N, C-alpha and C. Protein backbone atom coordinates (compact mmCIF):
# COMPACT_ATOMS: atom_id res chain seq x y z
N UNK A 1 0.81 -1.21 0.00
CA UNK A 1 0.00 0.00 0.00
C UNK A 1 0.85 1.27 0.00
N UNK A 2 1.91 1.39 0.86
CA UNK A 2 2.73 2.60 0.83
C UNK A 2 3.38 2.82 -0.54
N UNK A 3 3.78 1.72 -1.22
CA UNK A 3 4.37 1.85 -2.53
C UNK A 3 3.37 2.44 -3.52
N UNK A 4 2.11 2.00 -3.44
CA UNK A 4 1.07 2.51 -4.33
C UNK A 4 0.85 4.00 -4.08
N UNK A 5 0.79 4.41 -2.81
CA UNK A 5 0.59 5.82 -2.49
C UNK A 5 1.74 6.68 -2.98
N UNK A 6 2.96 6.17 -2.84
CA UNK A 6 4.10 6.96 -3.31
C UNK A 6 4.11 7.06 -4.83
N UNK A 7 3.70 6.00 -5.53
CA UNK A 7 3.61 6.06 -6.99
C UNK A 7 2.54 7.04 -7.44
N UNK A 8 1.41 7.07 -6.74
CA UNK A 8 0.35 8.02 -7.07
C UNK A 8 0.84 9.45 -6.82
N UNK A 9 1.51 9.68 -5.68
CA UNK A 9 2.03 11.01 -5.37
C UNK A 9 3.05 11.45 -6.41
N UNK A 10 3.93 10.55 -6.82
CA UNK A 10 4.92 10.87 -7.85
C UNK A 10 4.25 11.20 -9.17
N UNK A 11 3.21 10.45 -9.52
CA UNK A 11 2.47 10.72 -10.75
C UNK A 11 1.79 12.07 -10.74
N UNK A 12 1.20 12.43 -9.61
CA UNK A 12 0.55 13.73 -9.50
C UNK A 12 1.57 14.87 -9.58
N UNK A 13 2.72 14.66 -8.98
CA UNK A 13 3.77 15.68 -9.02
C UNK A 13 4.25 15.88 -10.45
N UNK A 14 4.45 14.79 -11.16
CA UNK A 14 4.92 14.90 -12.54
C UNK A 14 3.86 15.49 -13.46
N UNK A 15 2.58 15.27 -13.13
CA UNK A 15 1.50 15.77 -13.96
C UNK A 15 1.22 17.25 -13.71
N UNK A 16 1.67 17.78 -12.59
CA UNK A 16 1.41 19.18 -12.25
C UNK A 16 2.13 20.09 -13.24
N UNK A 17 1.53 21.22 -13.56
CA UNK A 17 2.14 22.09 -14.55
C UNK A 17 3.35 22.85 -14.02
N UNK A 18 4.39 22.88 -14.80
CA UNK A 18 5.55 23.73 -14.57
C UNK A 18 5.56 24.69 -15.75
N UNK A 19 5.42 26.00 -15.45
CA UNK A 19 5.28 26.99 -16.51
C UNK A 19 6.37 28.05 -16.43
N UNK A 20 6.63 28.67 -17.56
CA UNK A 20 7.52 29.83 -17.58
C UNK A 20 6.82 30.96 -16.84
N UNK A 21 7.46 31.47 -15.81
CA UNK A 21 6.91 32.62 -15.09
C UNK A 21 7.45 33.91 -15.67
N UNK A 22 8.76 33.96 -15.88
CA UNK A 22 9.36 35.20 -16.38
C UNK A 22 10.82 34.95 -16.78
N UNK A 23 11.39 35.96 -17.39
CA UNK A 23 12.83 36.01 -17.63
C UNK A 23 13.32 37.27 -16.93
N UNK A 24 14.21 37.10 -15.98
CA UNK A 24 14.79 38.24 -15.27
C UNK A 24 15.98 38.75 -16.07
N UNK A 25 15.85 39.94 -16.64
CA UNK A 25 16.98 40.52 -17.36
C UNK A 25 17.95 41.15 -16.39
N UNK A 26 17.50 41.41 -15.18
CA UNK A 26 18.36 41.85 -14.09
C UNK A 26 18.01 40.96 -12.90
N UNK A 27 18.89 40.03 -12.58
CA UNK A 27 18.63 39.03 -11.56
C UNK A 27 19.01 39.53 -10.18
N UNK A 28 18.24 39.08 -9.16
CA UNK A 28 18.52 39.47 -7.79
C UNK A 28 19.35 38.42 -7.04
N UNK A 29 19.88 37.43 -7.74
CA UNK A 29 20.58 36.34 -7.06
C UNK A 29 21.71 36.82 -6.15
N UNK A 30 22.71 37.45 -6.67
CA UNK A 30 23.80 37.89 -5.78
C UNK A 30 23.92 39.41 -5.71
N UNK A 31 23.37 40.10 -6.68
CA UNK A 31 23.43 41.55 -6.68
C UNK A 31 24.76 42.12 -7.15
N UNK A 32 25.67 41.28 -7.58
CA UNK A 32 27.00 41.76 -7.94
C UNK A 32 27.05 42.47 -9.29
N UNK A 33 26.14 42.18 -10.21
CA UNK A 33 26.21 42.78 -11.54
C UNK A 33 26.12 44.31 -11.45
N UNK A 34 25.12 44.81 -10.75
CA UNK A 34 24.97 46.27 -10.64
C UNK A 34 26.10 46.92 -9.85
N UNK A 35 26.60 46.24 -8.84
CA UNK A 35 27.60 46.84 -7.96
C UNK A 35 29.03 46.69 -8.45
N UNK A 36 29.34 45.60 -9.12
CA UNK A 36 30.72 45.34 -9.52
C UNK A 36 30.95 45.44 -11.03
N UNK A 37 30.02 44.98 -11.83
CA UNK A 37 30.23 44.92 -13.28
C UNK A 37 29.87 46.21 -14.00
N UNK A 38 28.71 46.78 -13.68
CA UNK A 38 28.27 48.00 -14.38
C UNK A 38 29.26 49.15 -14.20
N UNK A 39 29.80 49.40 -13.00
CA UNK A 39 30.79 50.48 -12.89
C UNK A 39 32.05 50.27 -13.73
N UNK A 40 32.36 49.03 -14.06
CA UNK A 40 33.54 48.74 -14.86
C UNK A 40 33.25 48.73 -16.36
N UNK A 41 32.00 48.98 -16.76
CA UNK A 41 31.60 48.91 -18.17
C UNK A 41 32.42 49.81 -19.08
N UNK A 42 32.71 51.05 -18.70
CA UNK A 42 33.52 51.88 -19.62
C UNK A 42 34.92 51.31 -19.88
N UNK A 43 35.51 50.69 -18.88
CA UNK A 43 36.86 50.14 -19.05
C UNK A 43 36.85 48.76 -19.70
N UNK A 44 35.82 47.95 -19.39
CA UNK A 44 35.75 46.58 -19.89
C UNK A 44 34.36 46.27 -20.45
N UNK A 45 33.98 46.88 -21.56
CA UNK A 45 32.61 46.68 -22.07
C UNK A 45 32.32 45.23 -22.48
N UNK A 46 33.28 44.55 -23.06
CA UNK A 46 33.03 43.16 -23.48
C UNK A 46 32.79 42.26 -22.27
N UNK A 47 33.59 42.42 -21.22
CA UNK A 47 33.42 41.59 -20.02
C UNK A 47 32.10 41.92 -19.33
N UNK A 48 31.71 43.19 -19.32
CA UNK A 48 30.42 43.56 -18.73
C UNK A 48 29.28 42.91 -19.51
N UNK A 49 29.39 42.86 -20.83
CA UNK A 49 28.38 42.18 -21.65
C UNK A 49 28.29 40.70 -21.35
N UNK A 50 29.45 40.06 -21.17
CA UNK A 50 29.47 38.63 -20.83
C UNK A 50 28.81 38.42 -19.47
N UNK A 51 29.16 39.25 -18.48
CA UNK A 51 28.58 39.12 -17.15
C UNK A 51 27.07 39.38 -17.16
N UNK A 52 26.62 40.29 -18.04
CA UNK A 52 25.19 40.51 -18.17
C UNK A 52 24.48 39.25 -18.64
N UNK A 53 25.01 38.63 -19.68
CA UNK A 53 24.41 37.40 -20.22
C UNK A 53 24.42 36.30 -19.16
N UNK A 54 25.51 36.19 -18.39
CA UNK A 54 25.61 35.16 -17.35
C UNK A 54 24.53 35.29 -16.28
N UNK A 55 24.10 36.52 -15.97
CA UNK A 55 23.16 36.70 -14.88
C UNK A 55 21.69 36.73 -15.32
N UNK A 56 21.39 36.74 -16.62
CA UNK A 56 20.00 36.67 -17.08
C UNK A 56 19.42 35.32 -16.66
N UNK A 57 18.27 35.36 -16.00
CA UNK A 57 17.74 34.14 -15.37
C UNK A 57 16.34 33.80 -15.90
N UNK A 58 16.14 32.54 -16.25
CA UNK A 58 14.83 32.02 -16.63
C UNK A 58 14.19 31.46 -15.36
N UNK A 59 12.96 31.89 -15.07
CA UNK A 59 12.28 31.49 -13.85
C UNK A 59 11.03 30.70 -14.19
N UNK A 60 10.90 29.51 -13.60
CA UNK A 60 9.75 28.63 -13.83
C UNK A 60 8.87 28.61 -12.59
N UNK A 61 7.58 28.62 -12.80
CA UNK A 61 6.60 28.48 -11.73
C UNK A 61 6.42 26.99 -11.45
N UNK A 62 6.62 26.60 -10.19
CA UNK A 62 6.51 25.19 -9.81
C UNK A 62 5.08 24.86 -9.38
N UNK A 63 4.75 23.57 -9.22
CA UNK A 63 3.38 23.18 -8.88
C UNK A 63 2.85 23.74 -7.56
N UNK A 64 3.72 24.12 -6.63
CA UNK A 64 3.29 24.71 -5.37
C UNK A 64 3.12 26.21 -5.58
N UNK A 65 1.96 26.74 -5.24
CA UNK A 65 1.67 28.16 -5.46
C UNK A 65 2.70 29.05 -4.77
N UNK A 66 3.31 29.96 -5.54
CA UNK A 66 4.28 30.89 -5.00
C UNK A 66 5.71 30.38 -5.01
N UNK A 67 5.94 29.13 -5.42
CA UNK A 67 7.29 28.55 -5.44
C UNK A 67 7.86 28.59 -6.85
N UNK A 68 9.12 29.04 -6.96
CA UNK A 68 9.74 29.22 -8.26
C UNK A 68 11.15 28.64 -8.27
N UNK A 69 11.56 28.17 -9.45
CA UNK A 69 12.94 27.73 -9.67
C UNK A 69 13.50 28.58 -10.79
N UNK A 70 14.69 29.11 -10.57
CA UNK A 70 15.32 29.94 -11.58
C UNK A 70 16.70 29.43 -11.92
N UNK A 71 17.13 29.69 -13.15
CA UNK A 71 18.46 29.25 -13.56
C UNK A 71 19.06 30.26 -14.54
N UNK A 72 20.31 30.58 -14.29
CA UNK A 72 21.10 31.38 -15.21
C UNK A 72 22.43 30.65 -15.38
N UNK A 73 23.29 31.18 -16.22
CA UNK A 73 24.60 30.57 -16.37
C UNK A 73 25.38 30.66 -15.06
N UNK A 74 25.20 31.76 -14.32
CA UNK A 74 25.98 31.99 -13.10
C UNK A 74 25.43 31.28 -11.87
N UNK A 75 24.11 31.08 -11.79
CA UNK A 75 23.56 30.49 -10.56
C UNK A 75 22.16 29.93 -10.78
N UNK A 76 21.69 29.22 -9.76
CA UNK A 76 20.33 28.69 -9.74
C UNK A 76 19.69 29.17 -8.44
N UNK A 77 18.36 29.22 -8.42
CA UNK A 77 17.68 29.66 -7.20
C UNK A 77 16.36 28.92 -7.02
N UNK A 78 15.98 28.80 -5.77
CA UNK A 78 14.67 28.31 -5.38
C UNK A 78 14.07 29.41 -4.54
N UNK A 79 12.92 29.95 -4.96
CA UNK A 79 12.37 31.10 -4.27
C UNK A 79 10.88 30.94 -4.01
N UNK A 80 10.42 31.73 -3.05
CA UNK A 80 9.00 31.75 -2.70
C UNK A 80 8.54 33.20 -2.67
N UNK A 81 7.33 33.44 -3.19
CA UNK A 81 6.72 34.76 -3.13
C UNK A 81 5.38 34.63 -2.44
N UNK A 82 5.17 35.44 -1.41
CA UNK A 82 3.90 35.47 -0.70
C UNK A 82 3.28 36.86 -0.81
N UNK A 83 1.96 36.96 -0.87
CA UNK A 83 1.33 38.26 -1.08
C UNK A 83 1.35 39.15 0.18
N UNK A 84 1.70 40.41 -0.03
CA UNK A 84 1.53 41.44 1.00
C UNK A 84 0.25 42.21 0.72
N UNK A 85 0.06 42.53 -0.54
CA UNK A 85 -1.16 43.17 -1.03
C UNK A 85 -1.40 42.66 -2.44
N UNK A 86 -2.64 42.30 -2.72
CA UNK A 86 -2.93 41.72 -4.03
C UNK A 86 -4.31 42.16 -4.49
N UNK A 87 -4.40 42.64 -5.72
CA UNK A 87 -5.69 43.02 -6.29
C UNK A 87 -6.36 41.78 -6.86
N UNK A 88 -7.62 41.93 -7.27
CA UNK A 88 -8.35 40.77 -7.80
C UNK A 88 -7.77 40.27 -9.11
N UNK A 89 -7.12 41.13 -9.87
CA UNK A 89 -6.54 40.67 -11.14
C UNK A 89 -5.12 40.11 -10.96
N UNK A 90 -4.64 40.01 -9.71
CA UNK A 90 -3.35 39.38 -9.44
C UNK A 90 -2.18 40.31 -9.31
N UNK A 91 -2.37 41.58 -9.65
CA UNK A 91 -1.29 42.54 -9.48
C UNK A 91 -1.05 42.77 -7.99
N UNK A 92 0.14 43.19 -7.65
CA UNK A 92 0.33 43.49 -6.25
C UNK A 92 1.77 43.48 -5.79
N UNK A 93 1.89 43.56 -4.47
CA UNK A 93 3.17 43.59 -3.79
C UNK A 93 3.36 42.25 -3.07
N UNK A 94 4.53 41.64 -3.26
CA UNK A 94 4.81 40.32 -2.71
C UNK A 94 6.13 40.34 -1.96
N UNK A 95 6.20 39.61 -0.84
CA UNK A 95 7.48 39.41 -0.17
C UNK A 95 8.15 38.21 -0.83
N UNK A 96 9.46 38.24 -0.88
CA UNK A 96 10.20 37.16 -1.54
C UNK A 96 11.34 36.68 -0.64
N UNK A 97 11.63 35.41 -0.74
CA UNK A 97 12.78 34.82 -0.07
C UNK A 97 13.32 33.72 -0.98
N UNK A 98 14.63 33.60 -1.06
CA UNK A 98 15.19 32.59 -1.94
C UNK A 98 16.54 32.09 -1.44
N UNK A 99 16.90 30.92 -1.93
CA UNK A 99 18.21 30.32 -1.70
C UNK A 99 18.89 30.25 -3.05
N UNK A 100 20.18 30.62 -3.08
CA UNK A 100 20.93 30.64 -4.33
C UNK A 100 22.00 29.56 -4.31
N UNK A 101 22.20 28.93 -5.45
CA UNK A 101 23.20 27.88 -5.57
C UNK A 101 24.05 28.09 -6.82
N UNK A 102 25.24 27.51 -6.79
CA UNK A 102 26.08 27.39 -7.98
C UNK A 102 26.31 25.90 -8.19
N UNK A 103 25.85 25.38 -9.30
CA UNK A 103 25.91 23.95 -9.56
C UNK A 103 25.33 23.17 -8.39
N UNK A 104 24.23 23.67 -7.84
CA UNK A 104 23.44 23.10 -6.75
C UNK A 104 24.15 23.11 -5.39
N UNK A 105 25.24 23.86 -5.24
CA UNK A 105 25.88 24.08 -3.94
C UNK A 105 25.37 25.41 -3.39
N UNK A 106 24.66 25.41 -2.27
CA UNK A 106 24.14 26.68 -1.73
C UNK A 106 25.27 27.66 -1.41
N UNK A 107 25.10 28.90 -1.87
CA UNK A 107 26.11 29.91 -1.58
C UNK A 107 25.51 31.19 -1.01
N UNK A 108 24.18 31.32 -1.00
CA UNK A 108 23.61 32.56 -0.48
C UNK A 108 22.10 32.54 -0.41
N UNK A 109 21.57 33.68 0.02
CA UNK A 109 20.12 33.83 0.16
C UNK A 109 19.72 35.27 -0.14
N UNK A 110 18.45 35.46 -0.40
CA UNK A 110 17.92 36.77 -0.74
C UNK A 110 16.59 36.97 -0.03
N UNK A 111 16.31 38.20 0.37
CA UNK A 111 15.00 38.57 0.91
C UNK A 111 14.65 39.94 0.37
N UNK A 112 13.37 40.12 0.07
CA UNK A 112 12.97 41.42 -0.46
C UNK A 112 11.49 41.48 -0.76
N UNK A 113 11.12 42.44 -1.59
CA UNK A 113 9.74 42.60 -2.03
C UNK A 113 9.75 42.73 -3.55
N UNK A 114 8.63 42.37 -4.15
CA UNK A 114 8.49 42.47 -5.61
C UNK A 114 7.12 43.03 -5.94
N UNK A 115 7.09 43.88 -6.94
CA UNK A 115 5.84 44.44 -7.44
C UNK A 115 5.59 43.81 -8.79
N UNK A 116 4.41 43.20 -8.93
CA UNK A 116 4.02 42.59 -10.21
C UNK A 116 2.89 43.41 -10.81
N UNK A 117 3.08 43.80 -12.05
CA UNK A 117 2.10 44.61 -12.75
C UNK A 117 2.06 44.15 -14.20
N UNK A 118 1.02 43.40 -14.57
CA UNK A 118 0.94 42.86 -15.92
C UNK A 118 2.07 41.90 -16.18
N UNK A 119 2.83 42.13 -17.24
CA UNK A 119 3.92 41.23 -17.60
C UNK A 119 5.24 41.63 -16.92
N UNK A 120 5.22 42.68 -16.10
CA UNK A 120 6.43 43.22 -15.48
C UNK A 120 6.54 42.83 -14.01
N UNK A 121 7.76 42.48 -13.59
CA UNK A 121 8.05 42.24 -12.17
C UNK A 121 9.28 43.06 -11.81
N UNK A 122 9.12 43.90 -10.80
CA UNK A 122 10.21 44.73 -10.31
C UNK A 122 10.46 44.36 -8.86
N UNK A 123 11.69 44.00 -8.51
CA UNK A 123 12.00 43.57 -7.16
C UNK A 123 13.15 44.37 -6.55
N UNK A 124 13.08 44.56 -5.24
CA UNK A 124 14.18 45.17 -4.48
C UNK A 124 14.39 44.32 -3.23
N UNK A 125 15.60 44.31 -2.74
CA UNK A 125 15.87 43.51 -1.55
C UNK A 125 17.33 43.53 -1.18
N UNK A 126 17.73 42.51 -0.45
CA UNK A 126 19.12 42.35 -0.04
C UNK A 126 19.53 40.90 -0.25
N UNK A 127 20.76 40.73 -0.70
CA UNK A 127 21.29 39.40 -0.96
C UNK A 127 22.55 39.19 -0.14
N UNK A 128 22.61 38.09 0.57
CA UNK A 128 23.82 37.70 1.30
C UNK A 128 24.43 36.53 0.55
N UNK A 129 25.70 36.65 0.20
CA UNK A 129 26.33 35.57 -0.56
C UNK A 129 27.76 35.36 -0.10
N UNK A 130 28.20 34.12 -0.26
CA UNK A 130 29.56 33.73 0.09
C UNK A 130 30.30 33.37 -1.19
N UNK A 131 31.55 33.07 -1.06
CA UNK A 131 32.35 32.63 -2.21
C UNK A 131 32.46 31.11 -2.24
N UNK A 132 31.55 30.41 -1.58
CA UNK A 132 31.60 28.95 -1.52
C UNK A 132 31.51 28.36 -2.93
N UNK A 133 32.28 27.31 -3.15
CA UNK A 133 32.25 26.59 -4.42
C UNK A 133 32.54 25.12 -4.12
N UNK A 134 32.36 24.28 -5.12
CA UNK A 134 32.65 22.86 -4.92
C UNK A 134 34.14 22.65 -4.67
N UNK A 135 34.98 23.50 -5.24
CA UNK A 135 36.42 23.39 -5.00
C UNK A 135 36.80 23.87 -3.60
N UNK A 136 36.04 24.84 -3.08
CA UNK A 136 36.29 25.39 -1.74
C UNK A 136 34.95 25.60 -1.04
N UNK A 137 34.36 24.54 -0.48
CA UNK A 137 33.05 24.66 0.17
C UNK A 137 33.16 25.27 1.57
N UNK A 138 33.45 26.57 1.62
CA UNK A 138 33.58 27.28 2.89
C UNK A 138 32.65 28.48 2.89
N UNK A 139 31.92 28.63 3.95
CA UNK A 139 30.96 29.73 4.07
C UNK A 139 31.42 30.67 5.18
N UNK A 140 32.69 31.07 5.15
CA UNK A 140 33.24 31.89 6.22
C UNK A 140 33.19 33.38 5.91
N UNK A 141 33.27 33.76 4.67
CA UNK A 141 33.25 35.16 4.27
C UNK A 141 31.95 35.46 3.51
N UNK A 142 31.26 36.51 3.94
CA UNK A 142 29.97 36.87 3.35
C UNK A 142 29.97 38.32 2.91
N UNK A 143 29.20 38.61 1.89
CA UNK A 143 28.94 39.99 1.50
C UNK A 143 27.43 40.16 1.38
N UNK A 144 26.96 41.31 1.80
CA UNK A 144 25.53 41.64 1.72
C UNK A 144 25.40 42.86 0.82
N UNK A 145 24.59 42.72 -0.23
CA UNK A 145 24.41 43.79 -1.20
C UNK A 145 22.92 44.06 -1.42
N UNK A 146 22.56 45.32 -1.63
CA UNK A 146 21.18 45.59 -2.04
C UNK A 146 20.98 45.09 -3.47
N UNK A 147 19.78 44.67 -3.78
CA UNK A 147 19.51 44.12 -5.11
C UNK A 147 18.35 44.85 -5.79
N UNK A 148 18.38 44.80 -7.09
CA UNK A 148 17.31 45.31 -7.93
C UNK A 148 17.07 44.26 -9.00
N UNK A 149 15.81 43.90 -9.21
CA UNK A 149 15.50 42.87 -10.21
C UNK A 149 14.47 43.43 -11.19
N UNK A 150 14.60 43.00 -12.43
CA UNK A 150 13.64 43.39 -13.46
C UNK A 150 13.36 42.15 -14.31
N UNK A 151 12.09 41.73 -14.32
CA UNK A 151 11.72 40.54 -15.06
C UNK A 151 10.49 40.78 -15.91
N UNK A 152 10.39 40.02 -17.00
CA UNK A 152 9.26 40.09 -17.91
C UNK A 152 8.74 38.69 -18.16
N UNK A 153 7.42 38.51 -18.13
CA UNK A 153 6.88 37.20 -18.40
C UNK A 153 5.37 37.20 -18.55
N UNK A 154 4.82 36.07 -18.94
CA UNK A 154 3.38 35.98 -19.22
C UNK A 154 2.49 36.00 -17.98
N UNK A 155 3.00 35.58 -16.83
CA UNK A 155 2.16 35.51 -15.64
C UNK A 155 2.03 36.86 -14.97
N UNK A 156 0.87 37.10 -14.40
CA UNK A 156 0.63 38.35 -13.69
C UNK A 156 1.15 38.25 -12.27
N UNK A 157 0.84 37.17 -11.58
CA UNK A 157 1.20 37.07 -10.17
C UNK A 157 1.33 35.62 -9.75
N UNK A 158 1.95 35.37 -8.60
CA UNK A 158 2.08 34.00 -8.11
C UNK A 158 0.73 33.32 -7.99
N UNK A 159 0.69 32.07 -8.39
CA UNK A 159 -0.52 31.28 -8.26
C UNK A 159 -1.51 31.44 -9.38
N UNK A 160 -1.16 32.22 -10.41
CA UNK A 160 -2.12 32.39 -11.50
C UNK A 160 -1.64 31.69 -12.75
């Protein structure tokens, strides 16, 4: 019987929709692009362009309402958005929290708020990140940076 229940649960999980929520052209994962790369753009425009492409993140809406998975070349994230204020059409202000990974090794977290309006999502918050990697899995040094996120996608708000 437990095997049957677990197979049914697995089937329901696989059948649940996973949809494109948005593409973040400015990702809030570590916040380093705005603080470290953009100021260096006049001196190193090609490297700034590469770093921009690395941080663009595709975000998928998972079967649990408000839960999202995002991936860029530089990092991956698992995040949750809960409503602070929400209109009937789904627009509104949402609190956000996320865990960031590099090749699935956790290296940081983010907390903030996001405003969703139509196809636009604008987020502000703070990101704490370490230099942890698989080659050096140490979480001893941290940096905290303010973040700004800008995303575009078909969904209006979490859970829709």
